[in-house]
C-alpha atoms as a PDB file:
ATOM      1  CA  MET A   1      12.902  31.606-116.606  1.00  0.00           C
ATOM      2  CA  LYS A   2      10.654  29.807-114.148  1.00  0.00           C
ATOM      3  CA  TYR A   3       7.495  31.556-113.037  1.00  0.00           C
ATOM      4  CA  LYS A   4       6.018  31.152-109.584  1.00  0.00           C
ATOM      5  CA  ALA A   5       2.464  31.862-110.602  1.00  0.00           C
ATOM      6  CA  PHE A   6       0.277  32.033-113.674  1.00  0.00           C
ATOM      7  CA  LYS A   7      -0.611  35.667-112.941  1.00  0.00           C
ATOM      8  CA  ASP A   8       3.083  36.707-113.066  1.00  0.00           C
ATOM      9  CA  TRP A   9       3.512  34.971-116.421  1.00  0.00           C
ATOM     10  CA  PHE A  10       0.198  36.385-117.707  1.00  0.00           C
ATOM     11  CA  GLN A  11       1.256  39.971-116.901  1.00  0.00           C
ATOM     12  CA  GLU A  12       4.301  39.621-119.179  1.00  0.00           C
ATOM     13  CA  ILE A  13       2.240  38.663-122.240  1.00  0.00           C
ATOM     14  CA  LYS A  14       2.373  41.248-125.038  1.00  0.00           C
ATOM     15  CA  TRP A  15      -1.142  41.785-126.395  1.00  0.00           C
ATOM     16  CA  LEU A  16      -1.348  42.869-130.032  1.00  0.00           C
ATOM     17  CA  LYS A  17      -4.398  43.362-132.239  1.00  0.00           C
ATOM     18  CA  ASP A  18      -4.206  39.991-134.011  1.00  0.00           C
ATOM     19  CA  LYS A  19      -1.940  37.909-131.749  1.00  0.00           C
ATOM     20  CA  VAL A  20      -0.236  37.623-128.379  1.00  0.00           C
ATOM     21  CA  ILE A  21       3.454  37.115-127.737  1.00  0.00           C
ATOM     22  CA  LEU A  22       4.209  34.988-124.703  1.00  0.00           C
ATOM     23  CA  PRO A  23       7.184  35.755-122.423  1.00  0.00           C
ATOM     24  CA  ASN A  24       9.233  33.000-124.113  1.00  0.00           C
ATOM     25  CA  ASP A  25       8.568  34.547-127.577  1.00  0.00           C
ATOM     26  CA  ILE A  26       5.920  32.017-128.640  1.00  0.00           C
ATOM     27  CA  THR A  27       3.250  33.714-130.769  1.00  0.00           C
ATOM     28  CA  ILE A  28      -0.412  32.710-130.604  1.00  0.00           C
ATOM     29  CA  GLU A  29      -2.843  34.000-133.222  1.00  0.00           C
ATOM     30  CA  LYS A  30      -6.204  35.268-132.004  1.00  0.00           C
ATOM     31  CA  SER A  31      -8.036  34.652-135.300  1.00  0.00           C
ATOM     32  CA  THR A  32      -9.261  31.162-134.378  1.00  0.00           C
ATOM     33  CA  TYR A  33     -11.056  32.626-131.346  1.00  0.00           C
ATOM     34  CA  ILE A  34     -13.054  35.202-133.287  1.00  0.00           C
ATOM     35  CA  THR A  35     -16.650  34.048-133.611  1.00  0.00           C
ATOM     36  CA  LYS A  36     -19.748  35.574-135.166  1.00  0.00           C
ATOM     37  CA  ASP A  37     -20.631  36.889-131.693  1.00  0.00           C
ATOM     38  CA  GLY A  38     -17.208  38.456-131.071  1.00  0.00           C
ATOM     39  CA  PHE A  39     -13.997  37.310-129.417  1.00  0.00           C
ATOM     40  CA  ASP A  40     -14.122  34.129-127.313  1.00  0.00           C
ATOM     41  CA  ILE A  41     -12.103  35.448-124.360  1.00  0.00           C
ATOM     42  CA  ASP A  42     -12.958  32.480-122.118  1.00  0.00           C
ATOM     43  CA  GLY A  43     -11.688  29.991-124.687  1.00  0.00           C
ATOM     44  CA  PHE A  44      -8.570  32.057-125.333  1.00  0.00           C
ATOM     45  CA  ASN A  45      -7.813  32.413-121.616  1.00  0.00           C
ATOM     46  CA  SER A  46      -8.265  28.663-121.234  1.00  0.00           C
ATOM     47  CA  LEU A  47      -5.711  28.147-124.022  1.00  0.00           C
ATOM     48  CA  LEU A  48      -3.267  30.471-122.269  1.00  0.00           C
ATOM     49  CA  PHE A  49      -3.717  28.633-118.960  1.00  0.00           C
ATOM     50  CA  LYS A  50      -3.159  25.242-120.615  1.00  0.00           C
ATOM     51  CA  THR A  51      -0.101  26.620-122.427  1.00  0.00           C
ATOM     52  CA  TYR A  52       1.345  27.883-119.131  1.00  0.00           C
ATOM     53  CA  ASN A  53       0.753  24.520-117.463  1.00  0.00           C
ATOM     54  CA  THR A  54       2.385  22.701-120.368  1.00  0.00           C
ATOM     55  CA  LEU A  55       5.436  24.986-120.388  1.00  0.00           C
ATOM     56  CA  TYR A  56       5.910  24.963-116.608  1.00  0.00           C
ATOM     57  CA  PRO A  57       4.726  21.604-115.228  1.00  0.00           C
ATOM     58  CA  VAL A  58       5.181  20.835-111.546  1.00  0.00           C
ATOM     59  CA  SER A  59       6.998  17.704-110.441  1.00  0.00           C
ATOM     60  CA  ASP A  60       3.962  16.085-108.789  1.00  0.00           C
ATOM     61  CA  GLY A  61       2.065  15.910-112.091  1.00  0.00           C
ATOM     62  CA  ARG A  62      -0.763  18.300-111.233  1.00  0.00           C
ATOM     63  CA  ARG A  63      -0.210  20.329-114.380  1.00  0.00           C
ATOM     64  CA  TYR A  64      -0.565  19.351-117.997  1.00  0.00           C
ATOM     65  CA  LYS A  65       2.266  17.611-119.778  1.00  0.00           C
ATOM     66  CA  LYS A  66       2.787  17.073-123.479  1.00  0.00           C
END
């Protein structure tokens, strides 16, 4: 499935206590983003954005590629 926007893809993520399940059934553990000060939501959201851009690159090269 091809997504038009990050926000559409983001809304389909299944959020669990210790991990998230992406729309294409990839699982990402949250444990590496737990710090002594709490959960690093900015870092985790950055990871999700980079993952989206890697999975769904645009043809002009503006998004990340592996």
